[in-house]
Amino acid sequence: MSDGGVLAKSTFGQALLDGRLGLPEDALLPGAEHLGPQPHFFVADEAFPLRHNLMQPFPGSNHSGRCRVFNFRLSHARLIVENTFGILTSQWHMYRGVIGVSPANVDVCAKATLVQHNFLRRTSKTPTRATTPPPAADSVVVGLREVNGVGRNNSAWEAIRVRETYTSYFSTEGAVGWQPRV
């Protein structure tokens, strides 16, 4: 089963799709109040469906301009998440496979490792880098899947609108110095 299929069948995925996840209210983007409140979203790859709260890159690989910047920023966010899980996995063996506790205790175990991680970072005598450097522009992971059937579904149109809003924002008011100049 694909990652998108696993998400759709999971309790978390159902809560995400049904709006029962308890995500923060839509918020204004810094410096772009004219765009109105925008939803918070999870970063995904092409294996997952595009939703207003689950963003995937623009399909294909030959992008220029704003779409390239959006894919770059989404890819960078995904790399940060992957690096975070890599750090946790290197420090705690419980993350290297199926977590051997009941589902009711997984949250407690995960929170405990995050508290321990933060404690060790604060008390360690060895300096650590606070952030991961951005990836090179030519190493961007881009989506390859075409978006099909978007005309049949209002939620798909809303997802496209949200992605377009963030695409515009990342190339204007929300641009950062390390993103590609296009």
N, C-alpha and C. Protein backbone atom coordinates (compact mmCIF):
# COMPACT_ATOMS: atom_id res chain seq x y z
N MET A 1 0.85 -1.18 0.00
CA MET A 1 0.00 0.00 0.00
C MET A 1 0.90 1.24 0.00
N SER A 2 0.53 2.25 -0.76
CA SER A 2 1.32 3.48 -0.85
C SER A 2 1.24 4.26 0.46
N ASP A 3 2.17 5.20 0.63
CA ASP A 3 2.15 6.06 1.81
C ASP A 3 0.83 6.84 1.89
N GLY A 4 0.35 7.31 0.74
CA GLY A 4 -0.92 8.02 0.71
C GLY A 4 -2.08 7.14 1.13
N GLY A 5 -2.05 5.86 0.72
CA GLY A 5 -3.08 4.90 1.12
C GLY A 5 -3.04 4.61 2.60
N VAL A 6 -1.84 4.49 3.15
CA VAL A 6 -1.69 4.27 4.59
C VAL A 6 -2.26 5.46 5.35
N LEU A 7 -1.94 6.67 4.90
CA LEU A 7 -2.46 7.87 5.56
C LEU A 7 -3.98 7.88 5.51
N ALA A 8 -4.56 7.61 4.35
CA ALA A 8 -6.01 7.66 4.20
C ALA A 8 -6.73 6.68 5.11
N LYS A 9 -6.09 5.54 5.41
CA LYS A 9 -6.73 4.52 6.24
C LYS A 9 -6.42 4.68 7.73
N SER A 10 -5.49 5.57 8.07
CA SER A 10 -5.10 5.73 9.47
C SER A 10 -6.06 6.65 10.21
N THR A 11 -6.07 6.54 11.52
CA THR A 11 -6.89 7.43 12.36
C THR A 11 -6.45 8.87 12.16
N PHE A 12 -5.14 9.09 12.12
CA PHE A 12 -4.60 10.43 11.90
C PHE A 12 -5.07 10.98 10.55
N GLY A 13 -4.94 10.17 9.50
CA GLY A 13 -5.34 10.61 8.17
C GLY A 13 -6.82 10.94 8.07
N GLN A 14 -7.66 10.12 8.70
CA GLN A 14 -9.09 10.40 8.71
C GLN A 14 -9.39 11.71 9.44
N ALA A 15 -8.71 11.93 10.57
CA ALA A 15 -8.92 13.18 11.31
C ALA A 15 -8.44 14.38 10.50
N LEU A 16 -7.35 14.22 9.76
CA LEU A 16 -6.85 15.29 8.90
C LEU A 16 -7.86 15.61 7.80
N LEU A 17 -8.36 14.58 7.14
CA LEU A 17 -9.32 14.78 6.05
C LEU A 17 -10.65 15.35 6.54
N ASP A 18 -11.07 14.94 7.73
CA ASP A 18 -12.36 15.37 8.27
C ASP A 18 -12.28 16.68 9.05
N GLY A 19 -11.09 17.25 9.19
CA GLY A 19 -10.94 18.50 9.93
C GLY A 19 -11.05 18.34 11.44
N ARG A 20 -10.79 17.14 11.95
CA ARG A 20 -10.89 16.89 13.39
C ARG A 20 -9.53 16.81 14.07
N LEU A 21 -8.50 17.26 13.41
CA LEU A 21 -7.16 17.11 13.95
C LEU A 21 -6.81 18.18 14.97
N GLY A 22 -7.55 19.25 15.00
CA GLY A 22 -7.27 20.31 15.95
C GLY A 22 -6.10 21.19 15.53
N LEU A 23 -5.94 21.39 14.22
CA LEU A 23 -4.88 22.27 13.75
C LEU A 23 -5.19 23.71 14.16
N PRO A 24 -4.15 24.55 14.28
CA PRO A 24 -4.40 25.95 14.62
C PRO A 24 -5.29 26.62 13.57
N GLU A 25 -5.95 27.66 14.00
CA GLU A 25 -6.78 28.45 13.08
C GLU A 25 -5.91 29.03 11.98
N ASP A 26 -6.52 29.30 10.83
CA ASP A 26 -5.80 29.97 9.76
C ASP A 26 -5.19 31.26 10.30
N ALA A 27 -4.03 31.64 9.76
CA ALA A 27 -3.32 32.81 10.28
C ALA A 27 -2.79 33.65 9.11
N LEU A 28 -2.54 34.92 9.41
CA LEU A 28 -1.97 35.81 8.41
C LEU A 28 -0.49 35.48 8.22
N LEU A 29 -0.03 35.58 6.99
CA LEU A 29 1.38 35.35 6.70
C LEU A 29 2.14 36.65 6.96
N PRO A 30 3.32 36.58 7.58
CA PRO A 30 4.08 37.80 7.91
C PRO A 30 4.33 38.66 6.68
N GLY A 31 3.98 39.93 6.79
CA GLY A 31 4.19 40.88 5.71
C GLY A 31 3.23 40.75 4.55
N ALA A 32 2.24 39.87 4.66
CA ALA A 32 1.30 39.65 3.55
C ALA A 32 -0.12 39.57 4.07
N GLU A 33 -0.48 40.50 4.92
CA GLU A 33 -1.82 40.50 5.49
C GLU A 33 -2.89 40.60 4.41
N HIS A 34 -2.55 41.21 3.26
CA HIS A 34 -3.52 41.35 2.17
C HIS A 34 -3.96 40.00 1.59
N LEU A 35 -3.19 38.94 1.84
CA LEU A 35 -3.58 37.61 1.36
C LEU A 35 -4.65 36.97 2.23
N GLY A 36 -4.90 37.55 3.38
CA GLY A 36 -5.89 36.98 4.29
C GLY A 36 -5.33 35.80 5.06
N PRO A 37 -6.09 35.28 6.01
CA PRO A 37 -5.63 34.13 6.79
C PRO A 37 -5.44 32.90 5.91
N GLN A 38 -4.34 32.19 6.14
CA GLN A 38 -4.01 30.99 5.37
C GLN A 38 -3.91 29.78 6.30
N PRO A 39 -4.24 28.60 5.80
CA PRO A 39 -4.20 27.41 6.65
C PRO A 39 -2.77 26.95 6.93
N HIS A 40 -2.60 26.34 8.10
CA HIS A 40 -1.36 25.61 8.39
C HIS A 40 -1.45 24.31 7.61
N PHE A 41 -0.31 23.76 7.22
CA PHE A 41 -0.36 22.52 6.45
C PHE A 41 0.82 21.62 6.79
N PHE A 42 0.64 20.34 6.46
CA PHE A 42 1.71 19.36 6.57
C PHE A 42 2.42 19.31 5.22
N VAL A 43 3.71 19.06 5.26
CA VAL A 43 4.53 18.96 4.06
C VAL A 43 4.50 17.51 3.58
N ALA A 44 4.22 17.32 2.30
CA ALA A 44 4.12 15.97 1.75
C ALA A 44 4.91 15.89 0.45
N ASP A 45 5.04 14.67 -0.05
CA ASP A 45 5.62 14.48 -1.37
C ASP A 45 4.52 14.00 -2.31
N GLU A 46 4.93 13.58 -3.50
CA GLU A 46 3.95 13.23 -4.53
C GLU A 46 3.14 11.98 -4.21
N ALA A 47 3.53 11.24 -3.18
CA ALA A 47 2.78 10.03 -2.80
C ALA A 47 1.47 10.36 -2.09
N PHE A 48 1.32 11.60 -1.66
CA PHE A 48 0.14 12.00 -0.89
C PHE A 48 -0.75 12.91 -1.72
N PRO A 49 -2.03 12.95 -1.40
CA PRO A 49 -2.94 13.82 -2.16
C PRO A 49 -2.74 15.28 -1.77
N LEU A 50 -2.95 16.16 -2.71
CA LEU A 50 -2.93 17.59 -2.44
C LEU A 50 -4.21 17.96 -1.71
N ARG A 51 -4.08 18.55 -0.55
CA ARG A 51 -5.21 19.02 0.25
C ARG A 51 -4.88 20.41 0.77
N HIS A 52 -5.87 21.14 1.26
CA HIS A 52 -5.58 22.48 1.76
C HIS A 52 -4.66 22.44 2.97
N ASN A 53 -4.59 21.32 3.67
CA ASN A 53 -3.72 21.20 4.84
C ASN A 53 -2.64 20.13 4.65
N LEU A 54 -2.41 19.74 3.39
CA LEU A 54 -1.39 18.74 3.04
C LEU A 54 -0.83 19.13 1.67
N MET A 55 0.31 19.82 1.68
CA MET A 55 0.87 20.36 0.44
C MET A 55 1.87 19.41 -0.18
N GLN A 56 1.77 19.27 -1.49
CA GLN A 56 2.74 18.51 -2.28
C GLN A 56 3.32 19.45 -3.32
N PRO A 57 4.50 19.09 -3.87
CA PRO A 57 5.11 19.96 -4.88
C PRO A 57 4.31 19.97 -6.18
N PHE A 58 4.60 20.96 -7.01
CA PHE A 58 4.03 20.97 -8.35
C PHE A 58 4.59 19.75 -9.09
N PRO A 59 3.76 19.06 -9.86
CA PRO A 59 4.25 17.87 -10.56
C PRO A 59 5.22 18.24 -11.68
N GLY A 60 6.05 17.29 -12.04
CA GLY A 60 7.02 17.49 -13.10
C GLY A 60 8.34 18.03 -12.56
N SER A 61 9.30 18.18 -13.47
CA SER A 61 10.63 18.60 -13.01
C SER A 61 11.18 19.81 -13.77
N ASN A 62 10.49 20.29 -14.75
CA ASN A 62 11.00 21.40 -15.55
C ASN A 62 10.29 22.70 -15.21
N HIS A 63 10.45 23.13 -13.97
CA HIS A 63 9.79 24.36 -13.54
C HIS A 63 10.77 25.51 -13.53
N SER A 64 10.23 26.69 -13.70
CA SER A 64 11.02 27.90 -13.52
C SER A 64 10.16 28.87 -12.75
N GLY A 65 10.76 29.92 -12.27
CA GLY A 65 10.02 30.96 -11.59
C GLY A 65 9.40 30.51 -10.28
N ARG A 66 8.18 30.96 -10.07
CA ARG A 66 7.49 30.78 -8.79
C ARG A 66 7.29 29.31 -8.43
N CYS A 67 6.95 28.47 -9.39
CA CYS A 67 6.73 27.04 -9.09
C CYS A 67 8.02 26.38 -8.61
N ARG A 68 9.13 26.76 -9.21
CA ARG A 68 10.43 26.22 -8.79
C ARG A 68 10.74 26.65 -7.36
N VAL A 69 10.48 27.90 -7.04
CA VAL A 69 10.72 28.39 -5.68
C VAL A 69 9.83 27.65 -4.69
N PHE A 70 8.56 27.47 -5.03
CA PHE A 70 7.66 26.74 -4.13
C PHE A 70 8.18 25.33 -3.89
N ASN A 71 8.52 24.61 -4.96
CA ASN A 71 9.03 23.24 -4.81
C ASN A 71 10.31 23.23 -3.99
N PHE A 72 11.17 24.22 -4.19
CA PHE A 72 12.41 24.32 -3.42
C PHE A 72 12.11 24.49 -1.93
N ARG A 73 11.21 25.40 -1.61
CA ARG A 73 10.89 25.65 -0.20
C ARG A 73 10.22 24.44 0.43
N LEU A 74 9.32 23.77 -0.29
CA LEU A 74 8.67 22.57 0.24
C LEU A 74 9.70 21.46 0.44
N SER A 75 10.60 21.32 -0.52
CA SER A 75 11.65 20.31 -0.41
C SER A 75 12.55 20.60 0.79
N HIS A 76 12.88 21.86 1.00
CA HIS A 76 13.72 22.24 2.14
C HIS A 76 13.02 21.90 3.46
N ALA A 77 11.75 22.18 3.55
CA ALA A 77 10.99 21.84 4.77
C ALA A 77 10.99 20.33 4.99
N ARG A 78 10.81 19.56 3.93
CA ARG A 78 10.84 18.09 4.06
C ARG A 78 12.20 17.61 4.54
N LEU A 79 13.28 18.21 4.05
CA LEU A 79 14.62 17.82 4.49
C LEU A 79 14.82 18.11 5.97
N ILE A 80 14.29 19.22 6.45
CA ILE A 80 14.39 19.55 7.87
C ILE A 80 13.70 18.47 8.70
N VAL A 81 12.50 18.07 8.28
CA VAL A 81 11.76 17.02 9.00
C VAL A 81 12.53 15.70 8.95
N GLU A 82 13.04 15.34 7.78
CA GLU A 82 13.80 14.09 7.65
C GLU A 82 15.05 14.12 8.52
N ASN A 83 15.75 15.26 8.57
CA ASN A 83 16.93 15.38 9.42
C ASN A 83 16.56 15.24 10.89
N THR A 84 15.43 15.80 11.27
CA THR A 84 14.97 15.69 12.66
C THR A 84 14.75 14.23 13.03
N PHE A 85 14.07 13.49 12.17
CA PHE A 85 13.85 12.07 12.45
C PHE A 85 15.18 11.31 12.44
N GLY A 86 16.10 11.71 11.59
CA GLY A 86 17.42 11.08 11.58
C GLY A 86 18.16 11.28 12.89
N ILE A 87 18.07 12.48 13.44
CA ILE A 87 18.71 12.77 14.73
C ILE A 87 18.08 11.92 15.82
N LEU A 88 16.75 11.89 15.86
CA LEU A 88 16.07 11.09 16.88
C LEU A 88 16.41 9.61 16.74
N THR A 89 16.45 9.12 15.51
CA THR A 89 16.76 7.71 15.27
C THR A 89 18.18 7.37 15.71
N SER A 90 19.11 8.29 15.49
CA SER A 90 20.49 8.02 15.88
C SER A 90 20.66 7.99 17.40
N GLN A 91 19.80 8.68 18.13
CA GLN A 91 19.94 8.74 19.58
C GLN A 91 19.07 7.73 20.31
N TRP A 92 17.93 7.37 19.75
CA TRP A 92 17.01 6.46 20.43
C TRP A 92 16.62 5.32 19.52
N HIS A 93 16.99 4.12 19.92
CA HIS A 93 16.75 2.92 19.13
C HIS A 93 15.26 2.66 18.90
N MET A 94 14.41 3.18 19.76
CA MET A 94 12.98 2.90 19.60
C MET A 94 12.43 3.40 18.27
N TYR A 95 13.11 4.38 17.64
CA TYR A 95 12.64 4.93 16.37
C TYR A 95 13.16 4.17 15.16
N ARG A 96 13.94 3.11 15.36
CA ARG A 96 14.56 2.40 14.23
C ARG A 96 13.67 1.33 13.63
N GLY A 97 12.52 1.14 14.15
CA GLY A 97 11.60 0.13 13.61
C GLY A 97 10.23 0.35 14.22
N VAL A 98 9.47 -0.72 14.27
CA VAL A 98 8.15 -0.65 14.89
C VAL A 98 8.35 -0.38 16.38
N ILE A 99 7.67 0.62 16.89
CA ILE A 99 7.80 0.96 18.31
C ILE A 99 7.06 -0.10 19.12
N GLY A 100 7.77 -0.74 20.01
CA GLY A 100 7.24 -1.89 20.74
C GLY A 100 6.45 -1.55 21.97
N VAL A 101 5.55 -0.59 21.87
CA VAL A 101 4.66 -0.27 22.98
C VAL A 101 3.24 -0.15 22.43
N SER A 102 2.28 -0.13 23.32
CA SER A 102 0.89 -0.02 22.88
C SER A 102 0.66 1.36 22.25
N PRO A 103 -0.28 1.46 21.33
CA PRO A 103 -0.57 2.77 20.71
C PRO A 103 -0.87 3.86 21.74
N ALA A 104 -1.48 3.49 22.85
CA ALA A 104 -1.80 4.48 23.89
C ALA A 104 -0.53 5.08 24.50
N ASN A 105 0.58 4.33 24.47
CA ASN A 105 1.82 4.81 25.09
C ASN A 105 2.81 5.43 24.10
N VAL A 106 2.54 5.35 22.82
CA VAL A 106 3.46 5.90 21.83
C VAL A 106 3.65 7.40 22.04
N ASP A 107 2.56 8.14 22.26
CA ASP A 107 2.67 9.59 22.46
C ASP A 107 3.58 9.91 23.64
N VAL A 108 3.40 9.20 24.74
CA VAL A 108 4.20 9.45 25.94
C VAL A 108 5.67 9.17 25.66
N CYS A 109 5.96 8.07 24.99
CA CYS A 109 7.35 7.72 24.66
C CYS A 109 7.97 8.77 23.73
N ALA A 110 7.24 9.18 22.72
CA ALA A 110 7.76 10.18 21.79
C ALA A 110 8.02 11.50 22.50
N LYS A 111 7.09 11.93 23.33
CA LYS A 111 7.28 13.19 24.07
C LYS A 111 8.47 13.08 25.02
N ALA A 112 8.65 11.93 25.65
CA ALA A 112 9.78 11.75 26.58
C ALA A 112 11.11 11.87 25.84
N THR A 113 11.21 11.29 24.64
CA THR A 113 12.48 11.41 23.91
C THR A 113 12.73 12.84 23.47
N LEU A 114 11.68 13.58 23.13
CA LEU A 114 11.86 14.98 22.75
C LEU A 114 12.31 15.82 23.93
N VAL A 115 11.75 15.57 25.11
CA VAL A 115 12.17 16.28 26.32
C VAL A 115 13.64 15.96 26.61
N GLN A 116 14.00 14.68 26.53
CA GLN A 116 15.39 14.29 26.78
C GLN A 116 16.33 14.92 25.75
N HIS A 117 15.92 14.92 24.50
CA HIS A 117 16.74 15.52 23.44
C HIS A 117 16.97 17.00 23.74
N ASN A 118 15.90 17.73 24.06
CA ASN A 118 16.03 19.17 24.35
C ASN A 118 16.90 19.40 25.58
N PHE A 119 16.76 18.57 26.61
CA PHE A 119 17.59 18.69 27.82
C PHE A 119 19.06 18.48 27.46
N LEU A 120 19.35 17.45 26.69
CA LEU A 120 20.74 17.18 26.32
C LEU A 120 21.33 18.32 25.48
N ARG A 121 20.55 18.89 24.61
CA ARG A 121 21.04 20.02 23.81
C ARG A 121 21.34 21.23 24.67
N ARG A 122 20.48 21.48 25.69
CA ARG A 122 20.70 22.64 26.56
C ARG A 122 21.89 22.45 27.49
N THR A 123 22.13 21.24 27.92
CA THR A 123 23.17 21.01 28.93
C THR A 123 24.48 20.49 28.36
N SER A 124 24.53 20.20 27.08
CA SER A 124 25.74 19.66 26.46
C SER A 124 26.81 20.74 26.36
N LYS A 125 28.04 20.35 26.59
CA LYS A 125 29.17 21.27 26.46
C LYS A 125 29.63 21.38 24.99
N THR A 126 29.16 20.47 24.16
CA THR A 126 29.52 20.47 22.75
C THR A 126 28.54 21.36 21.98
N PRO A 127 29.04 22.38 21.28
CA PRO A 127 28.12 23.23 20.52
C PRO A 127 27.46 22.44 19.39
N THR A 128 26.20 22.76 19.15
CA THR A 128 25.47 22.13 18.05
C THR A 128 24.93 23.22 17.14
N ARG A 129 24.81 22.89 15.86
CA ARG A 129 24.21 23.84 14.93
C ARG A 129 22.72 23.88 15.15
N ALA A 130 22.16 25.07 15.16
CA ALA A 130 20.72 25.22 15.40
C ALA A 130 19.90 24.86 14.18
N THR A 131 20.46 25.02 13.01
CA THR A 131 19.69 24.75 11.80
C THR A 131 20.52 23.95 10.82
N THR A 132 19.85 23.36 9.89
CA THR A 132 20.50 22.63 8.82
C THR A 132 20.66 23.58 7.65
N PRO A 133 21.82 23.58 6.99
CA PRO A 133 21.97 24.48 5.86
C PRO A 133 20.99 24.11 4.75
N PRO A 134 20.56 25.09 3.98
CA PRO A 134 19.63 24.78 2.89
C PRO A 134 20.29 23.91 1.84
N PRO A 135 19.51 23.07 1.16
CA PRO A 135 20.08 22.24 0.11
C PRO A 135 20.45 23.09 -1.10
N ALA A 136 21.32 22.57 -1.92
CA ALA A 136 21.67 23.26 -3.15
C ALA A 136 20.46 23.28 -4.07
N ALA A 137 20.36 24.31 -4.88
CA ALA A 137 19.20 24.45 -5.76
C ALA A 137 19.06 23.29 -6.72
N ASP A 138 20.18 22.66 -7.09
CA ASP A 138 20.08 21.56 -8.04
C ASP A 138 19.79 20.22 -7.39
N SER A 139 19.58 20.20 -6.06
CA SER A 139 19.26 18.94 -5.39
C SER A 139 17.82 18.92 -4.89
N VAL A 140 17.00 19.80 -5.40
CA VAL A 140 15.62 19.88 -4.96
C VAL A 140 14.87 18.62 -5.34
N VAL A 141 14.12 18.09 -4.38
CA VAL A 141 13.27 16.94 -4.65
C VAL A 141 11.95 17.49 -5.17
N VAL A 142 11.58 17.12 -6.36
CA VAL A 142 10.34 17.63 -6.94
C VAL A 142 9.37 16.50 -7.17
N GLY A 143 8.09 16.84 -7.19
CA GLY A 143 7.06 15.84 -7.42
C GLY A 143 7.00 15.45 -8.88
N LEU A 144 6.64 14.22 -9.13
CA LEU A 144 6.56 13.73 -10.50
C LEU A 144 5.16 13.29 -10.89
N ARG A 145 4.23 13.36 -9.97
CA ARG A 145 2.89 12.85 -10.22
C ARG A 145 1.99 13.97 -10.71
N GLU A 146 1.21 13.69 -11.73
CA GLU A 146 0.24 14.65 -12.23
C GLU A 146 -0.96 14.70 -11.28
N VAL A 147 -1.54 15.88 -11.13
CA VAL A 147 -2.75 16.02 -10.34
C VAL A 147 -3.92 15.74 -11.27
N ASN A 148 -4.68 14.69 -10.99
CA ASN A 148 -5.78 14.28 -11.84
C ASN A 148 -7.12 14.54 -11.17
N GLY A 149 -8.12 14.80 -11.95
CA GLY A 149 -9.49 14.87 -11.45
C GLY A 149 -9.80 16.04 -10.54
N VAL A 150 -9.06 17.14 -10.64
CA VAL A 150 -9.30 18.23 -9.71
C VAL A 150 -10.61 18.96 -9.99
N GLY A 151 -11.17 18.83 -11.16
CA GLY A 151 -12.40 19.51 -11.48
C GLY A 151 -13.63 18.89 -10.84
N ARG A 152 -13.49 17.72 -10.25
CA ARG A 152 -14.64 17.03 -9.68
C ARG A 152 -14.87 17.36 -8.22
N ASN A 153 -14.04 18.19 -7.63
CA ASN A 153 -14.01 18.23 -6.19
C ASN A 153 -13.65 19.63 -5.70
N ASN A 154 -14.54 20.26 -4.93
CA ASN A 154 -14.28 21.60 -4.42
C ASN A 154 -13.08 21.64 -3.49
N SER A 155 -12.86 20.58 -2.70
CA SER A 155 -11.72 20.59 -1.79
C SER A 155 -10.41 20.60 -2.58
N ALA A 156 -10.39 19.97 -3.76
CA ALA A 156 -9.19 20.01 -4.59
C ALA A 156 -8.94 21.43 -5.10
N TRP A 157 -9.99 22.14 -5.49
CA TRP A 157 -9.83 23.52 -5.92
C TRP A 157 -9.31 24.39 -4.78
N GLU A 158 -9.79 24.15 -3.58
CA GLU A 158 -9.31 24.90 -2.41
C GLU A 158 -7.83 24.60 -2.17
N ALA A 159 -7.43 23.35 -2.32
CA ALA A 159 -6.02 22.98 -2.14
C ALA A 159 -5.14 23.69 -3.17
N ILE A 160 -5.61 23.74 -4.41
CA ILE A 160 -4.86 24.43 -5.46
C ILE A 160 -4.75 25.92 -5.14
N ARG A 161 -5.84 26.51 -4.65
CA ARG A 161 -5.82 27.93 -4.28
C ARG A 161 -4.79 28.18 -3.18
N VAL A 162 -4.78 27.31 -2.16
CA VAL A 162 -3.83 27.48 -1.05
C VAL A 162 -2.40 27.35 -1.57
N ARG A 163 -2.14 26.35 -2.41
CA ARG A 163 -0.79 26.18 -2.95
C ARG A 163 -0.38 27.40 -3.78
N GLU A 164 -1.30 27.93 -4.57
CA GLU A 164 -1.01 29.12 -5.37
C GLU A 164 -0.70 30.33 -4.48
N THR A 165 -1.44 30.46 -3.37
CA THR A 165 -1.20 31.57 -2.45
C THR A 165 0.20 31.47 -1.85
N TYR A 166 0.57 30.29 -1.38
CA TYR A 166 1.92 30.11 -0.82
C TYR A 166 2.98 30.26 -1.91
N THR A 167 2.69 29.83 -3.12
CA THR A 167 3.63 29.99 -4.23
C THR A 167 3.92 31.46 -4.45
N SER A 168 2.88 32.27 -4.47
CA SER A 168 3.05 33.71 -4.63
C SER A 168 3.82 34.30 -3.45
N TYR A 169 3.44 33.90 -2.24
CA TYR A 169 4.07 34.43 -1.03
C TYR A 169 5.57 34.12 -0.99
N PHE A 170 5.95 32.90 -1.31
CA PHE A 170 7.36 32.51 -1.25
C PHE A 170 8.22 33.27 -2.27
N SER A 171 7.61 33.84 -3.29
CA SER A 171 8.36 34.58 -4.31
C SER A 171 8.28 36.09 -4.12
N THR A 172 7.52 36.53 -3.12
CA THR A 172 7.39 37.97 -2.89
C THR A 172 7.71 38.27 -1.42
N GLU A 173 6.70 38.60 -0.64
CA GLU A 173 6.91 39.00 0.75
C GLU A 173 7.60 37.94 1.59
N GLY A 174 7.39 36.67 1.28
CA GLY A 174 7.95 35.58 2.08
C GLY A 174 9.27 35.03 1.55
N ALA A 175 9.87 35.71 0.58
CA ALA A 175 11.15 35.23 0.03
C ALA A 175 12.23 35.30 1.10
N VAL A 176 13.14 34.34 1.08
CA VAL A 176 14.28 34.32 2.00
C VAL A 176 15.56 34.30 1.18
N GLY A 177 16.66 34.73 1.80
CA GLY A 177 17.91 34.91 1.08
C GLY A 177 18.51 33.66 0.49
N TRP A 178 18.27 32.50 1.08
CA TRP A 178 18.91 31.28 0.59
C TRP A 178 18.14 30.55 -0.50
N GLN A 179 16.95 31.04 -0.87
CA GLN A 179 16.20 30.35 -1.92
C GLN A 179 16.76 30.76 -3.28
N PRO A 180 16.52 29.94 -4.29
CA PRO A 180 17.08 30.27 -5.62
C PRO A 180 16.52 31.58 -6.16
N ARG A 181 17.35 32.26 -6.89
CA ARG A 181 16.92 33.49 -7.58
C ARG A 181 16.44 33.08 -8.96
N VAL A 182 15.16 33.26 -9.21
CA VAL A 182 14.62 32.85 -10.51
C VAL A 182 13.86 33.99 -11.15
